[in-house]
All heavy atoms as atom14 arrays in JSON, in Angstrom:
{
  "sequence": "SDCVIGLCGKDYVLLAADATASFSIILMKDSEDKILKLDSNKL",
  "atom14_mask": [
    [1, 1, 1, 1, 1, 1, 0, 0, 0, 0, 0, 0, 0, 0],
    [1, 1, 1, 1, 1, 1, 1, 1, 0, 0, 0, 0, 0, 0],
    [1, 1, 1, 1, 1, 1, 0, 0, 0, 0, 0, 0, 0, 0],
    [1, 1, 1, 1, 1, 1, 1, 0, 0, 0, 0, 0, 0, 0],
    [1, 1, 1, 1, 1, 1, 1, 1, 0, 0, 0, 0, 0, 0],
    [1, 1, 1, 1, 0, 0, 0, 0, 0, 0, 0, 0, 0, 0],
    [1, 1, 1, 1, 1, 1, 1, 1, 0, 0, 0, 0, 0, 0],
    [1, 1, 1, 1, 1, 1, 0, 0, 0, 0, 0, 0, 0, 0],
    [1, 1, 1, 1, 0, 0, 0, 0, 0, 0, 0, 0, 0, 0],
    [1, 1, 1, 1, 1, 1, 1, 1, 1, 0, 0, 0, 0, 0],
    [1, 1, 1, 1, 1, 1, 1, 1, 0, 0, 0, 0, 0, 0],
    [1, 1, 1, 1, 1, 1, 1, 1, 1, 1, 1, 1, 0, 0],
    [1, 1, 1, 1, 1, 1, 1, 0, 0, 0, 0, 0, 0, 0],
    [1, 1, 1, 1, 1, 1, 1, 1, 0, 0, 0, 0, 0, 0],
    [1, 1, 1, 1, 1, 1, 1, 1, 0, 0, 0, 0, 0, 0],
    [1, 1, 1, 1, 1, 0, 0, 0, 0, 0, 0, 0, 0, 0],
    [1, 1, 1, 1, 1, 0, 0, 0, 0, 0, 0, 0, 0, 0],
    [1, 1, 1, 1, 1, 1, 1, 1, 0, 0, 0, 0, 0, 0],
    [1, 1, 1, 1, 1, 0, 0, 0, 0, 0, 0, 0, 0, 0],
    [1, 1, 1, 1, 1, 1, 1, 0, 0, 0, 0, 0, 0, 0],
    [1, 1, 1, 1, 1, 0, 0, 0, 0, 0, 0, 0, 0, 0],
    [1, 1, 1, 1, 1, 1, 0, 0, 0, 0, 0, 0, 0, 0],
    [1, 1, 1, 1, 1, 1, 1, 1, 1, 1, 1, 0, 0, 0],
    [1, 1, 1, 1, 1, 1, 0, 0, 0, 0, 0, 0, 0, 0],
    [1, 1, 1, 1, 1, 1, 1, 1, 0, 0, 0, 0, 0, 0],
    [1, 1, 1, 1, 1, 1, 1, 1, 0, 0, 0, 0, 0, 0],
    [1, 1, 1, 1, 1, 1, 1, 1, 0, 0, 0, 0, 0, 0],
    [1, 1, 1, 1, 1, 1, 1, 1, 0, 0, 0, 0, 0, 0],
    [1, 1, 1, 1, 1, 1, 1, 1, 1, 0, 0, 0, 0, 0],
    [1, 1, 1, 1, 1, 1, 1, 1, 0, 0, 0, 0, 0, 0],
    [1, 1, 1, 1, 1, 1, 0, 0, 0, 0, 0, 0, 0, 0],
    [1, 1, 1, 1, 1, 1, 1, 1, 1, 0, 0, 0, 0, 0],
    [1, 1, 1, 1, 1, 1, 1, 1, 0, 0, 0, 0, 0, 0],
    [1, 1, 1, 1, 1, 1, 1, 1, 1, 0, 0, 0, 0, 0],
    [1, 1, 1, 1, 1, 1, 1, 1, 0, 0, 0, 0, 0, 0],
    [1, 1, 1, 1, 1, 1, 1, 1, 0, 0, 0, 0, 0, 0],
    [1, 1, 1, 1, 1, 1, 1, 1, 1, 0, 0, 0, 0, 0],
    [1, 1, 1, 1, 1, 1, 1, 1, 0, 0, 0, 0, 0, 0],
    [1, 1, 1, 1, 1, 1, 1, 1, 0, 0, 0, 0, 0, 0],
    [1, 1, 1, 1, 1, 1, 0, 0, 0, 0, 0, 0, 0, 0],
    [1, 1, 1, 1, 1, 1, 1, 1, 0, 0, 0, 0, 0, 0],
    [1, 1, 1, 1, 1, 1, 1, 1, 1, 0, 0, 0, 0, 0],
    [1, 1, 1, 1, 1, 1, 1, 1, 0, 0, 0, 0, 0, 0]
  ],
  "atom14_positions": [
    [[0.82, -1.22, 0.01], [0.0, 0.01, -0.01], [0.86, 1.25, 0.0], [0.34, 2.34, -0.31], [-0.94, 0.01, 1.21], [-0.22, -0.01, 2.42], [0.0, 0.0, 0.0], [0.0, 0.0, 0.0], [0.0, 0.0, 0.0], [0.0, 0.0, 0.0], [0.0, 0.0, 0.0], [0.0, 0.0, 0.0], [0.0, 0.0, 0.0], [0.0, 0.0, 0.0]],
    [[2.14, 1.14, 0.36], [3.04, 2.28, 0.29], [3.35, 2.61, -1.17], [3.39, 1.72, -2.01], [4.35, 1.97, 1.03], [4.13, 1.68, 2.5], [3.21, 2.28, 3.05], [4.9, 0.88, 3.07], [0.0, 0.0, 0.0], [0.0, 0.0, 0.0], [0.0, 0.0, 0.0], [0.0, 0.0, 0.0], [0.0, 0.0, 0.0], [0.0, 0.0, 0.0]],
    [[3.61, 3.89, -1.42], [4.0, 4.31, -2.75], [5.34, 5.03, -2.67], [5.46, 6.03, -1.96], [2.95, 5.28, -3.34], [1.31, 4.56, -3.52], [0.0, 0.0, 0.0], [0.0, 0.0, 0.0], [0.0, 0.0, 0.0], [0.0, 0.0, 0.0], [0.0, 0.0, 0.0], [0.0, 0.0, 0.0], [0.0, 0.0, 0.0], [0.0, 0.0, 0.0]],
    [[6.34, 4.5, -3.36], [7.67, 5.08, -3.37], [8.13, 5.23, -4.82], [8.04, 4.28, -5.61], [8.68, 4.2, -2.59], [10.07, 4.74, -2.68], [8.26, 4.06, -1.16], [0.0, 0.0, 0.0], [0.0, 0.0, 0.0], [0.0, 0.0, 0.0], [0.0, 0.0, 0.0], [0.0, 0.0, 0.0], [0.0, 0.0, 0.0], [0.0, 0.0, 0.0]],
    [[8.58, 6.43, -5.16], [8.99, 6.72, -6.54], [10.35, 7.41, -6.51], [10.63, 8.21, -5.6], [7.99, 7.65, -7.27], [6.57, 7.16, -7.07], [8.33, 7.76, -8.75], [5.5, 8.17, -7.51], [0.0, 0.0, 0.0], [0.0, 0.0, 0.0], [0.0, 0.0, 0.0], [0.0, 0.0, 0.0], [0.0, 0.0, 0.0], [0.0, 0.0, 0.0]],
    [[11.2, 7.12, -7.48], [12.48, 7.79, -7.6], [12.88, 7.99, -9.05], [12.51, 7.19, -9.93], [0.0, 0.0, 0.0], [0.0, 0.0, 0.0], [0.0, 0.0, 0.0], [0.0, 0.0, 0.0], [0.0, 0.0, 0.0], [0.0, 0.0, 0.0], [0.0, 0.0, 0.0], [0.0, 0.0, 0.0], [0.0, 0.0, 0.0], [0.0, 0.0, 0.0]],
    [[13.59, 9.08, -9.32], [14.14, 9.3, -10.66], [15.49, 10.01, -10.55], [15.74, 10.77, -9.65], [13.15, 10.09, -11.54], [12.75, 11.52, -11.17], [13.71, 12.55, -11.75], [11.36, 11.82, -11.68], [0.0, 0.0, 0.0], [0.0, 0.0, 0.0], [0.0, 0.0, 0.0], [0.0, 0.0, 0.0], [0.0, 0.0, 0.0], [0.0, 0.0, 0.0]],
    [[16.34, 9.68, -11.52], [17.74, 10.17, -11.51], [17.93, 11.12, -12.69], [17.87, 10.69, -13.84], [18.67, 8.98, -11.57], [20.43, 9.41, -11.43], [0.0, 0.0, 0.0], [0.0, 0.0, 0.0], [0.0, 0.0, 0.0], [0.0, 0.0, 0.0], [0.0, 0.0, 0.0], [0.0, 0.0, 0.0], [0.0, 0.0, 0.0], [0.0, 0.0, 0.0]],
    [[18.16, 12.4, -12.4], [18.43, 13.38, -13.45], [19.89, 13.52, -13.76], [20.73, 12.7, -13.38], [0.0, 0.0, 0.0], [0.0, 0.0, 0.0], [0.0, 0.0, 0.0], [0.0, 0.0, 0.0], [0.0, 0.0, 0.0], [0.0, 0.0, 0.0], [0.0, 0.0, 0.0], [0.0, 0.0, 0.0], [0.0, 0.0, 0.0], [0.0, 0.0, 0.0]],
    [[20.26, 14.59, -14.46], [21.63, 14.73, -14.92], [22.58, 15.1, -13.77], [23.77, 14.78, -13.81], [21.73, 15.78, -16.01], [21.24, 17.17, -15.64], [21.38, 18.11, -16.83], [20.86, 19.52, -16.45], [20.97, 20.44, -17.62], [0.0, 0.0, 0.0], [0.0, 0.0, 0.0], [0.0, 0.0, 0.0], [0.0, 0.0, 0.0], [0.0, 0.0, 0.0]],
    [[22.08, 15.77, -12.73], [22.92, 16.13, -11.61], [22.17, 16.09, -10.27], [22.51, 16.83, -9.33], [23.55, 17.53, -11.8], [22.48, 18.59, -12.06], [21.29, 18.27, -12.0], [22.88, 19.74, -12.35], [0.0, 0.0, 0.0], [0.0, 0.0, 0.0], [0.0, 0.0, 0.0], [0.0, 0.0, 0.0], [0.0, 0.0, 0.0], [0.0, 0.0, 0.0]],
    [[21.18, 15.23, -10.17], [20.37, 15.13, -8.95], [19.63, 13.8, -8.95], [19.5, 13.14, -10.0], [19.38, 16.27, -8.85], [18.33, 16.21, -9.97], [17.13, 15.53, -9.82], [18.57, 16.83, -11.2], [16.21, 15.45, -10.83], [17.64, 16.75, -12.23], [16.45, 16.06, -12.04], [15.56, 15.97, -13.05], [0.0, 0.0, 0.0], [0.0, 0.0, 0.0]],
    [[19.13, 13.42, -7.8], [18.19, 12.29, -7.65], [17.01, 12.74, -6.81], [17.21, 13.37, -5.76], [18.84, 11.06, -6.99], [17.92, 9.85, -7.08], [20.19, 10.74, -7.6], [0.0, 0.0, 0.0], [0.0, 0.0, 0.0], [0.0, 0.0, 0.0], [0.0, 0.0, 0.0], [0.0, 0.0, 0.0], [0.0, 0.0, 0.0], [0.0, 0.0, 0.0]],
    [[15.82, 12.45, -7.26], [14.58, 12.78, -6.52], [13.92, 11.52, -6.01], [13.85, 10.51, -6.74], [13.61, 13.52, -7.43], [13.92, 14.97, -7.78], [12.95, 15.49, -8.86], [13.87, 15.89, -6.54], [0.0, 0.0, 0.0], [0.0, 0.0, 0.0], [0.0, 0.0, 0.0], [0.0, 0.0, 0.0], [0.0, 0.0, 0.0], [0.0, 0.0, 0.0]],
    [[13.46, 11.56, -4.77], [12.69, 10.48, -4.16], [11.39, 11.03, -3.64], [11.36, 12.14, -3.05], [13.46, 9.81, -3.05], [14.7, 8.96, -3.4], [15.31, 8.42, -2.12], [14.34, 7.83, -4.34], [0.0, 0.0, 0.0], [0.0, 0.0, 0.0], [0.0, 0.0, 0.0], [0.0, 0.0, 0.0], [0.0, 0.0, 0.0], [0.0, 0.0, 0.0]],
    [[10.31, 10.29, -3.81], [9.02, 10.69, -3.27], [8.39, 9.46, -2.61], [8.5, 8.34, -3.12], [8.09, 11.2, -4.36], [0.0, 0.0, 0.0], [0.0, 0.0, 0.0], [0.0, 0.0, 0.0], [0.0, 0.0, 0.0], [0.0, 0.0, 0.0], [0.0, 0.0, 0.0], [0.0, 0.0, 0.0], [0.0, 0.0, 0.0], [0.0, 0.0, 0.0]],
    [[7.73, 9.67, -1.46], [7.07, 8.58, -0.77], [5.79, 9.12, -0.13], [5.77, 10.26, 0.37], [7.98, 7.97, 0.3], [0.0, 0.0, 0.0], [0.0, 0.0, 0.0], [0.0, 0.0, 0.0], [0.0, 0.0, 0.0], [0.0, 0.0, 0.0], [0.0, 0.0, 0.0], [0.0, 0.0, 0.0], [0.0, 0.0, 0.0], [0.0, 0.0, 0.0]],
    [[4.76, 8.31, -0.14], [3.53, 8.74, 0.53], [3.75, 8.81, 2.02], [4.6, 8.11, 2.58], [2.38, 7.79, 0.2], [2.47, 6.49, 0.95], [3.32, 5.67, 0.59], [1.7, 6.28, 1.89], [0.0, 0.0, 0.0], [0.0, 0.0, 0.0], [0.0, 0.0, 0.0], [0.0, 0.0, 0.0], [0.0, 0.0, 0.0], [0.0, 0.0, 0.0]],
    [[3.01, 9.63, 2.69], [3.2, 9.88, 4.15], [2.13, 9.2, 4.99], [1.9, 9.62, 6.13], [3.2, 11.38, 4.39], [0.0, 0.0, 0.0], [0.0, 0.0, 0.0], [0.0, 0.0, 0.0], [0.0, 0.0, 0.0], [0.0, 0.0, 0.0], [0.0, 0.0, 0.0], [0.0, 0.0, 0.0], [0.0, 0.0, 0.0], [0.0, 0.0, 0.0]],
    [[1.49, 8.15, 4.45], [0.42, 7.48, 5.15], [0.96, 6.33, 6.01], [1.75, 5.53, 5.52], [-0.61, 6.93, 4.14], [-1.11, 8.01, 3.36], [-1.74, 6.25, 4.86], [0.0, 0.0, 0.0], [0.0, 0.0, 0.0], [0.0, 0.0, 0.0], [0.0, 0.0, 0.0], [0.0, 0.0, 0.0], [0.0, 0.0, 0.0], [0.0, 0.0, 0.0]],
    [[0.53, 6.28, 7.23], [0.83, 5.14, 8.12], [-0.49, 4.55, 8.55], [-1.35, 5.26, 9.1], [1.61, 5.58, 9.33], [0.0, 0.0, 0.0], [0.0, 0.0, 0.0], [0.0, 0.0, 0.0], [0.0, 0.0, 0.0], [0.0, 0.0, 0.0], [0.0, 0.0, 0.0], [0.0, 0.0, 0.0], [0.0, 0.0, 0.0], [0.0, 0.0, 0.0]],
    [[-0.68, 3.26, 8.32], [-1.96, 2.63, 8.58], [-1.77, 1.36, 9.38], [-0.7, 0.76, 9.41], [-2.7, 2.32, 7.29], [-1.94, 1.42, 6.49], [0.0, 0.0, 0.0], [0.0, 0.0, 0.0], [0.0, 0.0, 0.0], [0.0, 0.0, 0.0], [0.0, 0.0, 0.0], [0.0, 0.0, 0.0], [0.0, 0.0, 0.0], [0.0, 0.0, 0.0]],
    [[-2.86, 0.94, 9.99], [-2.93, -0.36, 10.71], [-4.27, -0.97, 10.35], [-5.31, -0.43, 10.71], [-2.78, -0.18, 12.21], [-2.93, -1.46, 12.96], [-1.92, -2.39, 12.96], [-4.11, -1.73, 13.66], [-2.08, -3.6, 13.67], [-4.25, -2.91, 14.37], [-3.22, -3.84, 14.36], [0.0, 0.0, 0.0], [0.0, 0.0, 0.0], [0.0, 0.0, 0.0]],
    [[-4.19, -2.12, 9.64], [-5.41, -2.77, 9.16], [-6.19, -1.77, 8.29], [-5.67, -1.27, 7.32], [-6.24, -3.27, 10.37], [-7.38, -3.97, 9.92], [0.0, 0.0, 0.0], [0.0, 0.0, 0.0], [0.0, 0.0, 0.0], [0.0, 0.0, 0.0], [0.0, 0.0, 0.0], [0.0, 0.0, 0.0], [0.0, 0.0, 0.0], [0.0, 0.0, 0.0]],
    [[-7.42, -1.46, 8.67], [-8.22, -0.52, 7.87], [-8.19, 0.89, 8.48], [-8.95, 1.76, 8.07], [-9.68, -1.01, 7.79], [-10.32, -1.1, 9.17], [-9.74, -2.33, 7.05], [-11.82, -1.36, 9.14], [0.0, 0.0, 0.0], [0.0, 0.0, 0.0], [0.0, 0.0, 0.0], [0.0, 0.0, 0.0], [0.0, 0.0, 0.0], [0.0, 0.0, 0.0]],
    [[-7.31, 1.12, 9.46], [-7.28, 2.38, 10.18], [-6.13, 3.24, 9.73], [-4.98, 2.8, 9.64], [-7.15, 2.13, 11.71], [-8.29, 1.25, 12.19], [-7.15, 3.46, 12.47], [-8.12, 0.79, 13.62], [0.0, 0.0, 0.0], [0.0, 0.0, 0.0], [0.0, 0.0, 0.0], [0.0, 0.0, 0.0], [0.0, 0.0, 0.0], [0.0, 0.0, 0.0]],
    [[-6.38, 4.5, 9.42], [-5.33, 5.48, 9.12], [-4.81, 6.02, 10.44], [-5.53, 6.66, 11.19], [-5.92, 6.61, 8.28], [-4.96, 7.77, 8.0], [-3.79, 7.31, 7.13], [-5.69, 8.94, 7.3], [0.0, 0.0, 0.0], [0.0, 0.0, 0.0], [0.0, 0.0, 0.0], [0.0, 0.0, 0.0], [0.0, 0.0, 0.0], [0.0, 0.0, 0.0]],
    [[-3.54, 5.75, 10.73], [-2.94, 6.16, 11.98], [-2.4, 7.59, 11.91], [-2.54, 8.38, 12.84], [-1.81, 5.22, 12.39], [-2.22, 3.77, 12.45], [-3.49, 3.43, 13.7], [-2.59, 3.69, 15.18], [0.0, 0.0, 0.0], [0.0, 0.0, 0.0], [0.0, 0.0, 0.0], [0.0, 0.0, 0.0], [0.0, 0.0, 0.0], [0.0, 0.0, 0.0]],
    [[-1.79, 7.94, 10.8], [-1.22, 9.31, 10.59], [-0.98, 9.52, 9.13], [-0.86, 8.56, 8.35], [0.06, 9.49, 11.39], [1.17, 8.51, 11.02], [2.36, 8.56, 11.95], [3.08, 9.9, 11.87], [4.4, 9.85, 12.59], [0.0, 0.0, 0.0], [0.0, 0.0, 0.0], [0.0, 0.0, 0.0], [0.0, 0.0, 0.0], [0.0, 0.0, 0.0]],
    [[-0.86, 10.78, 8.7], [-0.56, 11.12, 7.34], [0.66, 12.0, 7.23], [0.76, 12.84, 6.34], [-1.77, 11.77, 6.65], [-2.17, 13.09, 7.32], [-1.54, 13.49, 8.32], [-3.13, 13.71, 6.85], [0.0, 0.0, 0.0], [0.0, 0.0, 0.0], [0.0, 0.0, 0.0], [0.0, 0.0, 0.0], [0.0, 0.0, 0.0], [0.0, 0.0, 0.0]],
    [[1.6, 11.81, 8.15], [2.82, 12.6, 8.15], [4.07, 11.71, 8.39], [5.09, 12.18, 8.88], [2.78, 13.69, 9.23], [2.56, 13.12, 10.52], [0.0, 0.0, 0.0], [0.0, 0.0, 0.0], [0.0, 0.0, 0.0], [0.0, 0.0, 0.0], [0.0, 0.0, 0.0], [0.0, 0.0, 0.0], [0.0, 0.0, 0.0], [0.0, 0.0, 0.0]],
    [[3.94, 10.43, 8.02], [5.05, 9.5, 8.19], [6.13, 9.72, 7.14], [5.85, 9.66, 5.93], [4.53, 8.05, 8.12], [5.57, 6.99, 8.24], [6.03, 6.77, 9.67], [5.47, 7.42, 10.59], [6.93, 5.95, 9.89], [0.0, 0.0, 0.0], [0.0, 0.0, 0.0], [0.0, 0.0, 0.0], [0.0, 0.0, 0.0], [0.0, 0.0, 0.0]],
    [[7.38, 9.94, 7.58], [8.48, 10.16, 6.65], [9.12, 8.81, 6.36], [9.77, 8.21, 7.21], [9.49, 11.1, 7.25], [10.55, 11.55, 6.24], [10.58, 10.98, 5.11], [11.33, 12.45, 6.56], [0.0, 0.0, 0.0], [0.0, 0.0, 0.0], [0.0, 0.0, 0.0], [0.0, 0.0, 0.0], [0.0, 0.0, 0.0], [0.0, 0.0, 0.0]],
    [[8.97, 8.32, 5.12], [9.53, 7.02, 4.7], [10.83, 7.14, 3.93], [11.29, 6.16, 3.37], [8.46, 6.25, 3.87], [7.18, 6.02, 4.65], [6.08, 5.44, 3.78], [4.78, 5.32, 4.58], [3.67, 4.8, 3.72], [0.0, 0.0, 0.0], [0.0, 0.0, 0.0], [0.0, 0.0, 0.0], [0.0, 0.0, 0.0], [0.0, 0.0, 0.0]],
    [[11.39, 8.35, 3.95], [12.65, 8.59, 3.27], [13.7, 8.95, 4.31], [13.62, 10.05, 4.89], [12.57, 9.69, 2.19], [11.41, 9.39, 1.21], [13.88, 9.83, 1.43], [11.18, 10.49, 0.19], [0.0, 0.0, 0.0], [0.0, 0.0, 0.0], [0.0, 0.0, 0.0], [0.0, 0.0, 0.0], [0.0, 0.0, 0.0], [0.0, 0.0, 0.0]],
    [[14.63, 8.06, 4.55], [15.6, 8.25, 5.64], [16.89, 8.82, 5.08], [17.4, 8.35, 4.02], [15.87, 6.92, 6.32], [16.76, 6.94, 7.55], [16.06, 7.69, 8.69], [17.11, 5.52, 7.99], [0.0, 0.0, 0.0], [0.0, 0.0, 0.0], [0.0, 0.0, 0.0], [0.0, 0.0, 0.0], [0.0, 0.0, 0.0], [0.0, 0.0, 0.0]],
    [[17.43, 9.82, 5.76], [18.75, 10.34, 5.4], [19.86, 9.45, 5.97], [19.96, 9.33, 7.19], [18.9, 11.78, 5.93], [20.25, 12.41, 5.61], [20.31, 13.83, 6.13], [21.67, 14.44, 5.85], [21.79, 15.86, 6.34], [0.0, 0.0, 0.0], [0.0, 0.0, 0.0], [0.0, 0.0, 0.0], [0.0, 0.0, 0.0], [0.0, 0.0, 0.0]],
    [[20.62, 8.81, 5.1], [21.68, 7.9, 5.56], [22.92, 8.68, 5.95], [23.58, 8.37, 6.96], [22.01, 6.88, 4.49], [20.87, 5.91, 4.11], [21.34, 4.95, 3.02], [20.39, 5.16, 5.33], [0.0, 0.0, 0.0], [0.0, 0.0, 0.0], [0.0, 0.0, 0.0], [0.0, 0.0, 0.0], [0.0, 0.0, 0.0], [0.0, 0.0, 0.0]],
    [[23.32, 9.66, 5.13], [24.41, 10.55, 5.48], [24.25, 11.83, 4.65], [23.15, 12.1, 4.17], [25.8, 9.9, 5.24], [25.99, 9.38, 3.84], [25.43, 10.0, 2.88], [26.72, 8.4, 3.62], [0.0, 0.0, 0.0], [0.0, 0.0, 0.0], [0.0, 0.0, 0.0], [0.0, 0.0, 0.0], [0.0, 0.0, 0.0], [0.0, 0.0, 0.0]],
    [[25.31, 12.58, 4.49], [25.15, 13.89, 3.87], [24.77, 13.85, 2.4], [24.3, 14.83, 1.85], [26.48, 14.68, 3.99], [27.55, 13.98, 3.37], [0.0, 0.0, 0.0], [0.0, 0.0, 0.0], [0.0, 0.0, 0.0], [0.0, 0.0, 0.0], [0.0, 0.0, 0.0], [0.0, 0.0, 0.0], [0.0, 0.0, 0.0], [0.0, 0.0, 0.0]],
    [[24.94, 12.7, 1.72], [24.65, 12.65, 0.29], [23.84, 11.41, -0.11], [23.78, 11.08, -1.29], [25.95, 12.72, -0.52], [26.79, 11.48, -0.34], [26.71, 10.8, 0.68], [27.62, 11.19, -1.32], [0.0, 0.0, 0.0], [0.0, 0.0, 0.0], [0.0, 0.0, 0.0], [0.0, 0.0, 0.0], [0.0, 0.0, 0.0], [0.0, 0.0, 0.0]],
    [[23.25, 10.72, 0.83], [22.48, 9.5, 0.51], [21.12, 9.52, 1.17], [20.97, 9.95, 2.33], [23.23, 8.25, 0.96], [24.53, 7.97, 0.26], [25.11, 6.63, 0.72], [26.56, 6.49, 0.32], [27.42, 7.45, 1.05], [0.0, 0.0, 0.0], [0.0, 0.0, 0.0], [0.0, 0.0, 0.0], [0.0, 0.0, 0.0], [0.0, 0.0, 0.0]],
    [[20.11, 9.02, 0.42], [18.75, 8.9, 0.92], [18.26, 7.48, 0.67], [18.61, 6.86, -0.34], [17.8, 9.89, 0.21], [18.06, 11.37, 0.44], [17.24, 12.18, -0.56], [17.72, 11.78, 1.86], [0.0, 0.0, 0.0], [0.0, 0.0, 0.0], [0.0, 0.0, 0.0], [0.0, 0.0, 0.0], [0.0, 0.0, 0.0], [0.0, 0.0, 0.0]]
  ]
}
């Protein structure tokens, strides 16, 4: 049910992820960050 999209341009990379967190049929929150910063230049 999660949606994650990425594309690589000529000098950048973009990532997008939905912010929905759910449990069964219940919406728990709509501000969940599913893109983690690994270090200064990696996501």
